Protein backbone atom coordinates (compact mmCIF):
# COMPACT_ATOMS: atom_id res chain seq x y z
CA MET A 1 -2.21 -62.78 85.44
CA SER A 2 -1.44 -63.17 81.70
CA SER A 3 1.02 -60.81 79.98
CA GLU A 4 -1.81 -59.19 77.99
CA ARG A 5 -3.97 -58.66 81.07
CA HIS A 6 -0.99 -57.28 82.97
CA GLN A 7 -0.21 -54.79 80.21
CA GLN A 8 -3.86 -53.65 80.34
CA HIS A 9 -3.56 -53.37 84.12
CA VAL A 10 -0.40 -51.25 83.86
CA SER A 11 -1.87 -49.05 81.13
CA SER A 12 -4.96 -48.49 83.25
CA ARG A 13 -2.84 -47.51 86.24
CA VAL A 14 -0.75 -45.12 84.16
CA LEU A 15 -3.92 -43.48 82.84
CA ARG A 16 -5.40 -43.17 86.34
CA GLY A 17 -2.09 -41.76 87.57
CA SER A 18 -2.01 -39.20 84.77
CA VAL A 19 -5.49 -38.03 85.72
CA ALA A 20 -4.51 -37.83 89.38
CA PHE A 21 -1.39 -35.83 88.63
CA ALA A 22 -3.22 -33.44 86.33
CA SER A 23 -4.30 -31.56 89.44
CA VAL A 24 -0.67 -30.92 90.25
CA ALA A 25 -0.38 -28.72 87.16
CA VAL A 26 -2.43 -26.10 89.00
CA VAL A 27 0.49 -25.79 91.41
CA LEU A 28 3.40 -26.90 89.26
CA GLY A 29 3.70 -26.27 85.54
CA CYS A 30 5.47 -28.53 83.09
CA ALA A 31 9.23 -28.09 83.03
CA GLY A 32 10.08 -24.56 81.97
CA MET A 33 6.54 -23.20 82.24
CA PRO A 34 5.67 -20.38 84.62
CA LEU A 35 3.85 -21.13 87.87
CA THR A 36 0.50 -19.80 88.87
CA GLY A 37 -0.60 -18.84 92.35
CA PRO A 38 1.27 -17.01 95.14
CA SER A 39 4.90 -15.97 94.74
CA VAL A 40 7.75 -15.61 97.19
CA PRO A 41 7.63 -12.08 98.67
CA SER A 42 10.46 -9.68 97.99
CA PRO A 43 13.05 -9.28 100.78
CA GLY A 44 13.28 -5.56 99.97
CA PRO A 45 15.37 -3.57 97.46
CA GLU A 46 18.60 -3.64 99.46
CA LEU A 47 18.69 -7.42 99.86
CA GLU A 48 17.51 -7.93 96.29
CA VAL A 49 20.52 -6.02 94.98
CA GLU A 50 22.87 -7.80 97.36
CA VAL A 51 21.84 -11.39 96.55
CA THR A 52 21.49 -10.88 92.80
CA GLY A 53 25.04 -9.51 92.90
CA TRP A 54 26.27 -12.91 94.09
CA SER A 55 26.41 -14.00 90.45
CA ASP A 56 29.78 -12.22 90.27
CA ARG A 57 31.11 -14.19 93.25
CA LEU A 58 30.38 -17.70 91.97
CA VAL A 59 33.40 -19.98 91.64
CA ASP A 60 32.72 -23.24 89.81
CA GLY A 61 29.03 -22.66 90.41
CA ALA A 62 29.37 -22.22 94.18
CA LEU A 63 29.40 -19.26 96.53
CA PRO A 64 32.28 -18.63 98.94
CA ASP A 65 31.71 -20.16 102.36
CA ASP A 66 31.26 -16.75 103.95
CA ALA A 67 28.76 -15.42 101.39
CA VAL A 68 25.55 -16.57 103.05
CA ASP A 69 24.67 -15.22 106.49
CA CYS A 70 21.54 -17.15 107.49
CA GLU A 71 20.37 -14.48 109.90
CA ARG A 72 20.53 -11.80 107.22
CA HIS A 73 19.82 -13.74 104.03
CA ALA A 74 17.28 -16.43 104.99
CA VAL A 75 14.42 -14.19 103.88
CA ALA A 76 16.11 -13.46 100.53
CA LEU A 77 17.18 -16.93 99.45
CA PRO A 78 13.71 -18.28 98.50
CA TRP A 79 13.00 -15.11 96.53
CA LEU A 80 16.30 -15.50 94.66
CA VAL A 81 15.58 -19.15 93.83
CA ALA A 82 12.15 -18.28 92.47
CA THR A 83 13.13 -15.22 90.42
CA THR A 84 16.67 -15.62 89.09
CA ASP A 85 17.32 -16.20 85.39
CA ASP A 86 20.77 -17.62 86.21
CA PRO A 87 20.55 -21.38 86.94
CA ALA A 88 23.99 -21.38 88.58
CA LEU A 89 22.94 -18.61 90.96
CA GLY A 90 19.68 -20.42 91.65
CA ARG A 91 21.56 -23.61 92.52
CA ALA A 92 23.85 -21.67 94.82
CA ALA A 93 20.83 -20.12 96.53
CA LEU A 94 19.27 -23.56 97.02
CA GLU A 95 22.49 -24.81 98.59
CA GLY A 96 22.51 -21.74 100.81
CA MET A 97 19.00 -22.58 102.00
CA LEU A 98 20.01 -26.03 103.27
CA PRO A 99 21.53 -24.87 106.59
CA CYS A 100 19.26 -21.84 107.06
CA GLU A 101 15.96 -21.53 108.90
CA VAL A 102 13.57 -20.45 106.16
CA ALA A 103 9.83 -19.93 106.54
CA VAL A 104 8.13 -23.16 105.47
CA GLU A 105 5.72 -21.50 103.06
CA HIS A 106 8.58 -19.60 101.40
CA ARG A 107 10.66 -22.76 101.09
CA GLN A 108 7.68 -24.52 99.51
CA LEU A 109 7.20 -21.79 96.92
CA ALA A 110 10.91 -21.68 96.10
CA LEU A 111 11.00 -25.46 95.61
CA LEU A 112 7.91 -25.42 93.39
CA ALA A 113 9.54 -22.80 91.20
CA ALA A 114 12.87 -24.63 91.03
CA LEU A 115 11.29 -28.00 90.25
CA SER A 116 9.59 -26.47 87.20
CA HIS A 117 12.84 -25.07 85.80
CA PRO A 118 14.16 -26.41 82.46
CA ASP A 119 17.75 -26.63 83.75
CA ARG A 120 18.27 -30.20 85.02
CA ALA A 121 21.07 -29.19 87.40
CA PHE A 122 18.79 -26.57 88.95
CA VAL A 123 16.09 -29.23 89.39
CA GLY A 124 18.66 -31.59 90.92
CA SER A 125 19.64 -29.01 93.52
CA ALA A 126 15.97 -28.45 94.26
CA LEU A 127 15.47 -32.18 94.77
CA GLU A 128 18.33 -32.25 97.27
CA LEU A 129 16.61 -29.57 99.33
CA ALA A 130 13.22 -31.19 98.72
CA GLY A 131 14.50 -34.41 100.29
CA GLU A 132 15.36 -32.51 103.46
CA HIS A 133 11.98 -30.80 103.36
CA LEU A 134 10.03 -34.02 102.82
CA ALA A 135 11.68 -35.71 105.76
CA GLU A 136 9.45 -33.55 107.96
CA ALA A 137 6.56 -32.80 105.59
CA ALA A 138 2.92 -33.50 106.36
CA ALA A 139 0.27 -34.88 104.02
CA GLY A 140 -0.98 -32.26 101.59
CA ASP A 141 2.34 -30.46 101.34
CA PRO A 142 2.57 -29.14 97.76
CA VAL A 143 6.21 -30.19 97.55
CA VAL A 144 5.10 -33.83 97.87
CA GLU A 145 2.90 -33.38 94.82
CA ALA A 146 5.65 -31.59 92.89
CA VAL A 147 8.28 -34.25 93.58
CA ALA A 148 5.80 -37.01 92.77
CA GLU A 149 4.97 -35.32 89.46
CA THR A 150 8.68 -35.01 88.70
CA LEU A 151 9.22 -38.72 89.39
CA VAL A 152 6.36 -39.76 87.12
CA ASN A 153 6.62 -37.32 84.23
CA HIS A 154 10.07 -35.73 83.91
CA ASP A 155 11.85 -36.71 80.71
CA ASP A 156 15.33 -37.01 82.24
CA LEU A 157 16.50 -40.25 83.89
CA GLY A 158 18.86 -38.48 86.29
CA VAL A 159 16.08 -36.18 87.48
CA ARG A 160 13.57 -39.01 87.92
CA TYR A 161 16.07 -41.10 89.89
CA GLU A 162 16.83 -38.20 92.23
CA ALA A 163 13.12 -37.47 92.60
CA LEU A 164 12.71 -41.07 93.73
CA GLU A 165 15.46 -40.59 96.31
CA ALA A 166 13.82 -37.39 97.55
CA LEU A 167 10.32 -38.88 97.74
CA ASP A 168 11.62 -41.82 99.76
CA ARG A 169 12.54 -39.37 102.54
CA TYR A 170 8.79 -38.92 103.00
CA THR A 171 6.34 -41.41 104.55
CA TRP A 172 4.99 -42.16 101.09
CA THR A 173 3.24 -45.40 102.00
CA ALA A 174 0.72 -43.42 104.07
CA ASP A 175 0.02 -40.88 101.31
CA PRO A 176 -2.11 -42.16 98.40
CA LEU A 177 -0.73 -39.68 95.87
CA ALA A 178 2.91 -40.34 96.76
CA ALA A 179 2.34 -44.11 96.92
CA ARG A 180 0.75 -43.99 93.47
CA ALA A 181 3.81 -42.18 92.12
CA MET A 182 6.09 -44.84 93.53
CA LEU A 183 3.96 -47.56 91.98
CA GLU A 184 4.06 -45.75 88.62
CA ALA A 185 7.86 -45.72 88.89
CA LEU A 186 7.79 -49.53 88.58
CA THR A 187 6.75 -49.04 84.94
CA ASP A 188 9.53 -46.52 84.19
CA ASP A 189 11.45 -47.06 80.96
CA ALA A 190 14.80 -46.77 82.76
CA PRO A 191 16.00 -49.90 84.62
CA PRO A 192 17.79 -47.94 87.40
CA VAL A 193 14.54 -46.23 88.41
CA VAL A 194 12.62 -49.51 88.45
CA SER A 195 15.29 -51.38 90.37
CA GLU A 196 15.71 -48.66 92.98
CA THR A 197 11.95 -48.42 93.42
CA LEU A 198 11.80 -52.16 94.11
CA GLN A 199 14.63 -51.84 96.62
CA ARG A 200 13.04 -48.92 98.46
CA ALA A 201 9.60 -50.51 98.45
CA ARG A 202 11.06 -53.67 99.97
CA PHE A 203 12.16 -51.73 103.02
CA ARG A 204 8.73 -50.04 103.24
CA ALA A 205 6.75 -53.22 102.54
CA ALA A 206 5.03 -53.26 105.92
CA GLY A 207 3.35 -49.92 105.17
CA ILE A 208 2.27 -50.52 101.56
CA GLN A 209 -1.51 -50.46 101.31
CA ASP A 210 -2.28 -51.21 97.65
CA VAL A 211 -0.67 -54.62 97.94
CA GLU A 212 -2.46 -56.24 95.00
CA ALA A 213 -1.22 -53.65 92.51
CA TRP A 214 2.37 -53.89 93.76
CA VAL A 215 2.27 -57.67 93.67
CA ALA A 216 0.90 -57.77 90.13
CA THR A 217 3.55 -55.38 88.82
CA ALA A 218 6.45 -57.00 90.71
CA ARG A 219 5.43 -60.49 89.57
CA PHE A 220 5.40 -59.37 85.97
CA ALA A 221 8.85 -57.78 86.39
CA MET A 222 10.24 -60.92 88.03
CA ARG A 223 8.97 -63.17 85.25
CA ALA A 224 9.63 -61.06 82.19
CA HIS A 225 11.98 -58.10 82.67
CA LEU A 226 15.19 -58.25 80.63
CA ASP A 227 17.28 -56.80 83.46
CA PRO A 228 18.47 -59.38 86.04
CA GLY A 229 18.77 -56.76 88.76
CA ILE A 230 15.08 -56.00 88.40
CA ARG A 231 14.11 -59.68 88.33
CA GLY A 232 16.07 -60.32 91.50
CA ARG A 233 14.85 -57.27 93.39
CA ALA A 234 11.27 -58.02 92.37
CA ALA A 235 11.65 -61.43 94.03
CA LEU A 236 13.03 -59.81 97.18
CA LEU A 237 10.11 -57.37 97.33
CA LEU A 238 7.55 -60.14 96.81
CA ALA A 239 9.11 -62.28 99.53
CA ARG A 240 8.59 -59.49 102.04
CA LEU A 241 5.36 -58.01 100.72
CA ALA A 242 3.29 -61.09 99.88
CA PRO A 243 4.98 -64.37 100.84
CA ASP A 244 1.62 -66.15 101.16
CA HIS A 245 0.05 -64.71 98.03
CA GLY A 246 -1.15 -67.47 95.71
CA GLY A 247 1.56 -68.46 93.24
CA VAL A 248 4.24 -66.05 94.46
CA GLY A 249 6.28 -68.68 96.30
CA ARG A 250 6.26 -70.99 93.30
CA GLU A 251 7.42 -68.21 90.97
CA VAL A 252 10.21 -67.09 93.30
CA LEU A 253 11.42 -70.70 93.48
CA GLY A 254 11.46 -70.74 89.69
CA LEU A 255 13.86 -67.80 89.71
CA LEU A 256 16.48 -70.07 91.33
CA GLY A 257 16.96 -71.34 87.77
CA ASP A 258 17.43 -67.90 86.21
CA GLU A 259 20.19 -67.50 83.65
CA HIS A 260 21.87 -64.66 85.60
CA PRO A 261 23.84 -65.25 88.83
CA TYR A 262 22.49 -62.13 90.55
CA ALA A 263 18.88 -63.15 89.97
CA ARG A 264 19.59 -66.68 91.24
CA SER A 265 21.22 -65.31 94.37
CA ALA A 266 18.43 -62.82 95.03
CA ALA A 267 15.93 -65.64 94.62
CA ALA A 268 17.88 -67.69 97.20
CA GLU A 269 17.65 -64.82 99.70
CA ALA A 270 13.97 -64.38 98.88
CA VAL A 271 12.96 -68.02 99.42
CA ALA A 272 14.84 -68.00 102.72
CA GLU A 273 12.90 -64.94 103.84
CA MET A 274 9.59 -66.57 102.88
CA GLY A 275 10.42 -69.45 105.22
CA ASP A 276 9.05 -72.47 103.33
CA LEU A 277 11.31 -75.40 104.22
CA ALA A 278 10.38 -77.13 100.97
CA ALA A 279 12.60 -74.57 99.23
CA VAL A 280 15.66 -76.37 100.63
CA HIS A 281 15.44 -78.80 97.71
CA GLY A 282 15.76 -75.91 95.24
CA LEU A 283 18.67 -74.33 97.10
CA LEU A 284 20.92 -77.39 97.19
CA PRO A 285 21.94 -77.31 93.50
CA LEU A 286 23.15 -73.72 93.95
CA VAL A 287 25.74 -74.62 96.60
CA ASP A 288 27.98 -75.81 93.72
CA ASP A 289 27.42 -72.64 91.69
CA GLU A 290 30.65 -70.61 91.80
CA ALA A 291 29.48 -67.79 89.50
CA ALA A 292 30.13 -64.19 90.56
CA ASN A 293 26.76 -62.75 91.45
CA GLY A 294 27.18 -58.99 91.10
CA TRP A 295 25.30 -56.98 88.49
CA LEU A 296 26.35 -53.50 87.38
CA MET A 297 23.85 -51.48 85.36
CA LEU A 298 24.87 -49.09 82.62
CA PRO A 299 25.82 -45.62 83.91
CA TRP A 300 23.72 -42.49 83.60
CA ASP A 301 24.32 -38.78 84.13
CA ALA A 302 23.32 -37.37 87.49
CA THR A 303 22.01 -33.81 87.56
CA SER A 304 25.38 -32.78 89.00
CA GLY A 305 27.05 -33.98 85.80
CA ARG A 306 28.85 -36.92 87.39
CA LYS A 307 28.24 -40.50 86.34
CA ARG A 308 26.17 -42.82 88.51
CA ARG A 309 25.98 -46.61 88.31
CA GLN A 310 23.81 -48.98 90.26
CA LEU A 311 25.53 -52.05 91.67
CA HIS A 312 23.54 -55.11 92.70
CA VAL A 313 25.44 -57.34 95.12
CA GLY A 314 24.16 -60.89 95.37
CA SER A 315 25.80 -61.82 98.68
CA HIS A 316 28.62 -60.89 101.03
CA LEU A 317 31.23 -62.94 99.18
CA GLU A 318 29.71 -62.03 95.80
CA ARG A 319 29.22 -65.64 94.68
CA VAL A 320 26.12 -67.75 94.11
CA ASP A 321 27.34 -70.59 96.32
CA ASP A 322 27.78 -68.14 99.19
CA ALA A 323 24.26 -66.79 98.66
CA ALA A 324 22.81 -70.31 98.61
CA LEU A 325 24.65 -71.37 101.76
CA ARG A 326 23.54 -68.24 103.61
CA ALA A 327 19.97 -68.83 102.47
CA LEU A 328 20.10 -72.45 103.62
CA ALA A 329 21.29 -71.42 107.08
CA SER A 330 18.61 -68.72 107.35
CA LEU A 331 15.79 -70.91 106.04
CA THR A 332 16.54 -73.77 108.44
CA GLU A 333 17.15 -71.58 111.50
CA PRO A 334 13.70 -72.40 112.98
CA MET A 335 14.86 -76.04 113.21
CA GLY A 336 17.00 -75.06 116.19
CA ASP A 337 19.80 -77.53 116.89
CA GLU A 338 18.96 -79.38 113.67
CA ALA A 339 19.48 -76.30 111.48
CA PHE A 340 22.26 -76.09 108.93
CA THR A 341 25.25 -74.11 110.17
CA TYR A 342 27.26 -72.17 107.61
CA ARG A 343 30.83 -72.43 108.82
CA GLU A 344 33.02 -69.35 109.14
CA ILE A 345 34.71 -68.48 105.85
CA HIS A 346 38.21 -67.01 105.94
CA LEU A 347 39.21 -64.99 102.88
CA LYS A 348 42.74 -66.41 103.04
CA TYR A 349 41.32 -69.91 102.58
CA LEU A 350 38.20 -68.90 100.64
CA GLU A 351 38.09 -71.74 98.13
CA LEU A 352 38.96 -74.46 100.64
CA ASP A 353 36.46 -73.15 103.18
CA LEU A 354 33.69 -72.99 100.59
CA ILE A 355 34.43 -76.54 99.44
CA SER A 356 34.08 -77.67 103.06
CA ALA A 357 30.88 -75.65 103.47
CA ARG A 358 29.39 -77.33 100.39
CA ARG A 359 30.21 -80.72 101.84
CA ASP A 360 28.57 -79.66 105.10
CA ALA A 361 25.43 -78.62 103.23
CA LYS A 362 25.17 -81.86 101.27
CA ALA A 363 25.80 -83.97 104.35
CA TRP A 364 23.17 -82.01 106.29
CA TYR A 365 20.70 -82.45 103.44
CA GLU A 366 21.17 -86.22 103.30
CA ALA A 367 20.82 -86.49 107.09
CA HIS A 368 17.59 -84.45 107.18
CA LEU A 369 16.00 -85.37 103.86
CA ASP A 370 13.29 -87.56 105.39
CA ALA A 371 12.24 -84.78 107.77
CA LEU A 372 11.90 -82.12 105.06
CA PRO A 373 8.65 -81.33 103.20
CA PRO A 374 8.55 -82.75 99.68
CA ALA A 375 10.04 -80.72 96.86
CA PRO A 376 7.40 -78.49 95.25
CA ASP A 377 6.65 -78.48 91.54
CA VAL A 378 8.19 -75.24 90.29
CA PRO A 379 8.40 -73.59 86.87
CA ALA A 380 11.64 -73.59 84.92
CA GLY A 381 13.97 -70.58 85.13
CA THR A 382 12.47 -67.30 84.00
CA ARG A 383 14.85 -66.65 81.15
């Protein structure tokens, strides 16, 4: 697919997603806007006074350990979350709900209210509880729609990232609305959201239903994204999602020539997973590549206020040669006794052991060259 056609494809998907999520506004307003529909019932005047008075007991935004009695307060906590004007008290109430048995419909209403709040820390606390809720949620649960809307449309990176984490607690591949939100996250402006979406989708690849759309978007990211973490993780997703899709194998092989060590190492792991023995020819040059293959994205502010950073690790020993040698061993494993064996590497003798492992790889390659499929014609490195 050409770059122009892909951009049209992505724009079309974003438009369709916006239309789909418009229905969510009936349940969940934009951030800071009031909700319509049913509200959490009052727990009664006595409990109302008691729980609103907790604002005087907050220490660093948290309640004392003995403040919440689940048996007494479970009915009041959702009401407090939905009605308080104090974000700190609302966050404390959400934390209090985590260990308590709360009526499902009341928990849903409290979460819908909290997710619409303008305070990002309040929304973050709601997403923590929403993740627990979604782990057991059924299709049609309004919290699924609310978290999906937050992932797609919230203007804060920290909130969107945490919405992604919460939504991944749910069986999103089986839910068209949630799956569409995850696909939309691949076009997010923030690299951490895109990279984490690729990572999570890789581990859900067997359940993804709209394969063509995921493949088109991941291929574009692998070929053209400026972030090497995204290029590498796109290759890893494609290797698991569509290893036999026309052109994918050739493009993943091309990533072995990427300018960044992480992307090269991820491509090595990806071609090994795809299982085409012809890729051995592309792996061999990387066994002499000693570059460190980690990639650390720029930090961002979590809703808790702490900094978060996303680390991409290219292999166990964090070097390209290690990634290539591991990939060579994995790729040739079906050859049985004729497979390449990656010798044990001792950290005390790391450099010497890796030199010996490289020699092993080259000797194995020369001994088995005639039995290998011919080297494929692959594109040059992506960057």
